[in-house]
Amino acid sequence: MGEFPWRLVTFDIDGTLTTVHGWLLIARAAGRESRYRETNTRFSSRSTGEDEHLGDLLALAEGLTLTEVEKLLAGTPKLSGIGAGVAELHRRGAKVALLTHNPSYVGEWYRGQFGFDDFEGCRTPPLQDGRIPPPGRVHADKRTGLRRLIARLGVAPVEVAHVGDGWADIPVFGWTGGSIALNSRWPEVDRAATVAMRTRSFAPILEALTTMTPHAPVNDDLASDEALNT
């Protein structure tokens, strides 16, 4: 086996690390499943934008305790072998981070559970007496999240591989040296990635990352932005 080509591998969470959307289980627990399905229908038809959809999803958890949400996260069906896969990526010399629209209370649970090195997601108000507050005005911005990760971890975009499944991952694919569309429901997502695959296990992802050759990012404006730490 040759030298591992990636210094940073980033992962989306819902639909990528999970095999069902985690916010569906949160919506059910809160008695808001109809709201979950309504916002997904609007978003899938593109009658609503990413920011509005994200706000709708995060509002589903309002009033739940952090303990309740963490139990739901633990019970969400996921890829097999995530922790072992992250450990193997570490063994090969790569950092492994979460790049998602999820809020910090979700990202930090995954980080602690599976050994991810870093996390970038949606900024939301702090917990109120241990409960999830209204999300406020949110912005779906994986571009800024990726910029922050590469700045903190000291890597170049060409040294990053991203794994995701949704429309918001398409731009990220263009800013990195390699990409995997994982279990995506949308052909345009598959077409945008270096590799498209279907699996319920982390092991084939490792194999794909090992054999993938980095290429110059399609979009070269990521590292040129200022205020990386804003």
Protein backbone atom coordinates (compact mmCIF):
# COMPACT_ATOMS: atom_id res chain seq x y z
CA MET A 1 0.00 0.00 0.00
CA GLY A 2 1.37 3.39 -1.02
CA GLU A 3 1.36 6.61 0.98
CA PHE A 4 -2.12 7.67 2.06
CA PRO A 5 -3.07 10.68 -0.10
CA TRP A 6 -5.16 12.68 2.40
CA ARG A 7 -4.18 14.85 5.37
CA LEU A 8 -7.82 15.64 6.23
CA VAL A 9 -11.01 13.70 5.58
CA THR A 10 -14.31 15.45 6.33
CA PHE A 11 -17.72 13.86 6.77
CA ASP A 12 -21.29 15.04 6.64
CA ILE A 13 -23.52 13.43 9.30
CA ASP A 14 -27.17 12.94 8.31
CA GLY A 15 -27.54 10.55 5.39
CA THR A 16 -23.78 10.02 5.33
CA LEU A 17 -22.73 8.61 8.69
CA THR A 18 -26.37 7.80 9.42
CA THR A 19 -28.52 5.51 7.30
CA VAL A 20 -31.68 7.47 8.14
CA HIS A 21 -31.98 11.17 8.74
CA GLY A 22 -31.33 11.79 12.43
CA TRP A 23 -33.77 14.68 12.56
CA LEU A 24 -36.62 12.33 11.72
CA LEU A 25 -36.12 10.57 15.06
CA ILE A 26 -35.86 13.90 16.85
CA ALA A 27 -39.09 15.06 15.19
CA ARG A 28 -40.90 11.90 16.24
CA ALA A 29 -39.75 12.22 19.84
CA ALA A 30 -40.97 15.82 19.93
CA GLY A 31 -44.32 15.01 18.25
CA ARG A 32 -43.37 17.05 15.19
CA GLU A 33 -42.97 14.45 12.45
CA SER A 34 -45.50 16.18 10.18
CA ARG A 35 -43.40 19.36 10.34
CA TYR A 36 -40.30 17.35 9.44
CA ARG A 37 -41.99 15.85 6.38
CA GLU A 38 -43.45 19.17 5.29
CA THR A 39 -40.10 20.97 5.32
CA ASN A 40 -38.41 18.09 3.50
CA THR A 41 -41.09 18.16 0.80
CA ARG A 42 -40.62 21.89 0.30
CA PHE A 43 -36.85 21.56 0.21
CA SER A 44 -36.83 18.57 -2.17
CA SER A 45 -39.04 20.51 -4.59
CA ARG A 46 -36.67 23.46 -4.15
CA SER A 47 -39.53 25.72 -3.13
CA THR A 48 -37.55 26.63 -0.01
CA GLY A 49 -33.88 27.43 0.44
CA GLU A 50 -31.16 25.78 2.50
CA ASP A 51 -31.25 28.33 5.32
CA GLU A 52 -35.01 28.13 5.81
CA HIS A 53 -34.93 24.33 5.67
CA LEU A 54 -32.11 24.19 8.20
CA GLY A 55 -34.00 26.48 10.56
CA ASP A 56 -37.09 24.28 10.23
CA LEU A 57 -35.08 21.18 11.11
CA LEU A 58 -33.31 22.69 14.11
CA ALA A 59 -36.62 23.99 15.47
CA LEU A 60 -37.84 20.39 15.72
CA ALA A 61 -35.62 19.87 18.80
CA GLU A 62 -36.81 22.97 20.64
CA GLY A 63 -37.66 22.19 24.26
CA LEU A 64 -36.04 18.75 24.34
CA THR A 65 -33.30 18.23 26.91
CA LEU A 66 -29.76 17.58 25.81
CA THR A 67 -29.99 14.16 27.46
CA GLU A 68 -33.07 13.31 25.39
CA VAL A 69 -31.36 14.42 22.17
CA GLU A 70 -28.19 12.45 22.93
CA LYS A 71 -30.24 9.29 23.52
CA LEU A 72 -31.87 9.82 20.13
CA LEU A 73 -28.47 10.32 18.50
CA ALA A 74 -27.23 7.09 20.07
CA GLY A 75 -30.25 5.23 18.70
CA THR A 76 -30.01 6.61 15.16
CA PRO A 77 -29.02 3.84 12.66
CA LYS A 78 -25.52 4.45 11.35
CA LEU A 79 -22.80 2.97 9.18
CA SER A 80 -21.07 0.06 10.84
CA GLY A 81 -17.46 0.56 11.92
CA ILE A 82 -17.34 4.35 12.22
CA GLY A 83 -15.08 4.41 15.28
CA ALA A 84 -12.73 1.79 13.86
CA GLY A 85 -12.67 3.63 10.53
CA VAL A 86 -11.77 6.95 12.15
CA ALA A 87 -9.01 5.19 14.10
CA GLU A 88 -7.66 3.67 10.89
CA LEU A 89 -7.61 7.07 9.18
CA HIS A 90 -5.63 8.37 12.15
CA ARG A 91 -3.22 5.46 11.80
CA ARG A 92 -2.68 6.45 8.17
CA GLY A 93 -1.78 9.99 9.22
CA ALA A 94 -5.03 11.82 8.44
CA LYS A 95 -7.10 14.12 10.60
CA VAL A 96 -10.83 13.37 10.51
CA ALA A 97 -13.47 16.08 10.98
CA LEU A 98 -17.20 16.61 10.77
CA LEU A 99 -18.41 19.17 8.22
CA THR A 100 -22.14 19.49 8.64
CA HIS A 101 -25.08 21.82 9.10
CA ASN A 102 -25.82 20.23 12.48
CA PRO A 103 -25.51 22.35 15.64
CA SER A 104 -22.69 21.91 18.12
CA TYR A 105 -24.65 19.70 20.51
CA VAL A 106 -24.99 17.12 17.71
CA GLY A 107 -21.46 17.51 16.38
CA GLU A 108 -19.86 17.26 19.80
CA TRP A 109 -21.75 14.04 20.55
CA TYR A 110 -20.44 12.44 17.34
CA ARG A 111 -16.97 13.79 18.01
CA GLY A 112 -16.86 12.28 21.47
CA GLN A 113 -18.46 9.02 20.47
CA PHE A 114 -16.30 8.18 17.47
CA GLY A 115 -13.03 10.08 17.92
CA PHE A 116 -13.33 12.79 15.27
CA ASP A 117 -10.63 15.46 15.59
CA ASP A 118 -12.70 18.52 14.83
CA PHE A 119 -16.16 19.79 14.00
CA GLU A 120 -17.71 22.60 11.98
CA GLY A 121 -21.44 23.08 11.85
CA CYS A 122 -24.23 25.55 12.36
CA ARG A 123 -23.87 28.17 15.08
CA THR A 124 -26.92 28.25 17.39
CA PRO A 125 -27.76 29.84 20.76
CA PRO A 126 -26.49 28.06 23.90
CA LEU A 127 -28.65 25.61 25.81
CA GLN A 128 -31.17 27.06 28.24
CA ASP A 129 -31.34 25.11 31.52
CA GLY A 130 -30.17 22.01 29.69
CA ARG A 131 -32.83 22.31 26.99
CA ILE A 132 -32.59 23.07 23.29
CA PRO A 133 -33.59 26.70 22.61
CA PRO A 134 -35.13 28.09 19.42
CA PRO A 135 -32.44 28.08 16.73
CA GLY A 136 -32.74 31.73 15.89
CA ARG A 137 -31.57 32.86 12.47
CA VAL A 138 -29.27 30.19 11.02
CA HIS A 139 -27.08 30.04 7.95
CA ALA A 140 -26.15 26.87 6.08
CA ASP A 141 -22.51 27.52 5.25
CA LYS A 142 -20.22 24.53 4.72
CA ARG A 143 -17.87 26.77 2.75
CA THR A 144 -16.92 28.78 5.83
CA GLY A 145 -16.79 25.60 7.89
CA LEU A 146 -14.29 24.05 5.51
CA ARG A 147 -12.21 27.23 5.46
CA ARG A 148 -12.01 27.16 9.24
CA LEU A 149 -11.02 23.50 9.30
CA ILE A 150 -8.20 23.85 6.79
CA ALA A 151 -6.93 26.93 8.63
CA ARG A 152 -6.96 25.27 12.06
CA LEU A 153 -5.50 21.97 10.86
CA GLY A 154 -2.93 23.48 8.51
CA VAL A 155 -3.82 21.64 5.33
CA ALA A 156 -4.34 22.68 1.73
CA PRO A 157 -7.69 22.11 -0.04
CA VAL A 158 -6.07 19.59 -2.42
CA GLU A 159 -5.12 17.50 0.64
CA VAL A 160 -8.76 17.23 1.78
CA ALA A 161 -11.31 14.56 0.84
CA HIS A 162 -14.97 15.12 1.67
CA VAL A 163 -17.69 12.49 2.10
CA GLY A 164 -21.31 13.62 1.83
CA ASP A 165 -24.70 12.87 0.34
CA GLY A 166 -26.65 16.08 -0.24
CA TRP A 167 -26.93 19.15 -2.41
CA ALA A 168 -24.97 21.20 0.12
CA ASP A 169 -22.03 18.82 -0.36
CA ILE A 170 -21.73 19.53 -4.10
CA PRO A 171 -19.82 22.83 -3.60
CA VAL A 172 -17.58 21.15 -1.02
CA PHE A 173 -16.68 18.49 -3.58
CA GLY A 174 -15.46 21.29 -5.83
CA TRP A 175 -13.27 22.84 -3.13
CA THR A 176 -11.40 19.65 -2.22
CA GLY A 177 -8.92 17.29 -3.83
CA GLY A 178 -11.24 14.30 -3.69
CA SER A 179 -14.81 13.44 -2.80
CA ILE A 180 -17.22 10.59 -2.20
CA ALA A 181 -20.97 10.84 -2.74
CA LEU A 182 -22.24 8.28 -0.23
CA ASN A 183 -25.72 6.76 -0.48
CA SER A 184 -27.03 9.91 -2.15
CA ARG A 185 -30.60 10.10 -3.39
CA TRP A 186 -29.75 12.69 -6.05
CA PRO A 187 -27.96 11.92 -9.34
CA GLU A 188 -26.47 15.41 -9.46
CA VAL A 189 -24.68 14.74 -6.18
CA ASP A 190 -23.25 11.48 -7.53
CA ARG A 191 -22.08 13.22 -10.70
CA ALA A 192 -20.33 15.99 -8.77
CA ALA A 193 -18.18 13.62 -6.69
CA THR A 194 -14.95 11.87 -7.59
CA VAL A 195 -16.55 8.56 -6.53
CA ALA A 196 -20.19 7.63 -5.91
CA MET A 197 -20.92 4.56 -3.82
CA ARG A 198 -23.56 2.71 -1.80
CA THR A 199 -22.59 1.01 1.44
CA ARG A 200 -23.74 0.48 5.02
CA SER A 201 -20.16 0.00 6.23
CA PHE A 202 -17.22 2.34 6.75
CA ALA A 203 -14.73 -0.16 5.30
CA PRO A 204 -15.47 0.51 1.59
CA ILE A 205 -15.02 4.24 2.25
CA LEU A 206 -11.50 3.55 3.50
CA GLU A 207 -10.78 1.51 0.39
CA ALA A 208 -12.05 4.26 -1.91
CA LEU A 209 -10.02 6.92 -0.11
CA THR A 210 -6.90 4.78 -0.38
CA THR A 211 -7.18 4.29 -4.15
CA MET A 212 -8.39 7.81 -5.02
CA THR A 213 -5.84 10.17 -6.57
CA PRO A 214 -6.05 13.83 -5.45
CA HIS A 215 -6.85 16.39 -8.14
CA ALA A 216 -6.73 20.15 -8.16
CA PRO A 217 -9.96 21.58 -6.73
CA VAL A 218 -12.42 22.71 -9.38
CA ASN A 219 -12.98 25.93 -7.42
CA ASP A 220 -9.75 27.56 -6.26
CA ASP A 221 -11.21 30.49 -4.32
CA LEU A 222 -11.54 28.77 -0.92
CA ALA A 223 -8.15 29.66 0.54
CA SER A 224 -8.19 33.21 -0.85
CA ASP A 225 -10.88 34.44 1.52
CA GLU A 226 -10.04 36.58 4.50
CA ALA A 227 -11.33 36.42 8.09
CA LEU A 228 -11.00 32.66 8.41
CA ASN A 229 -11.60 32.87 12.13
CA THR A 230 -14.77 34.92 12.05
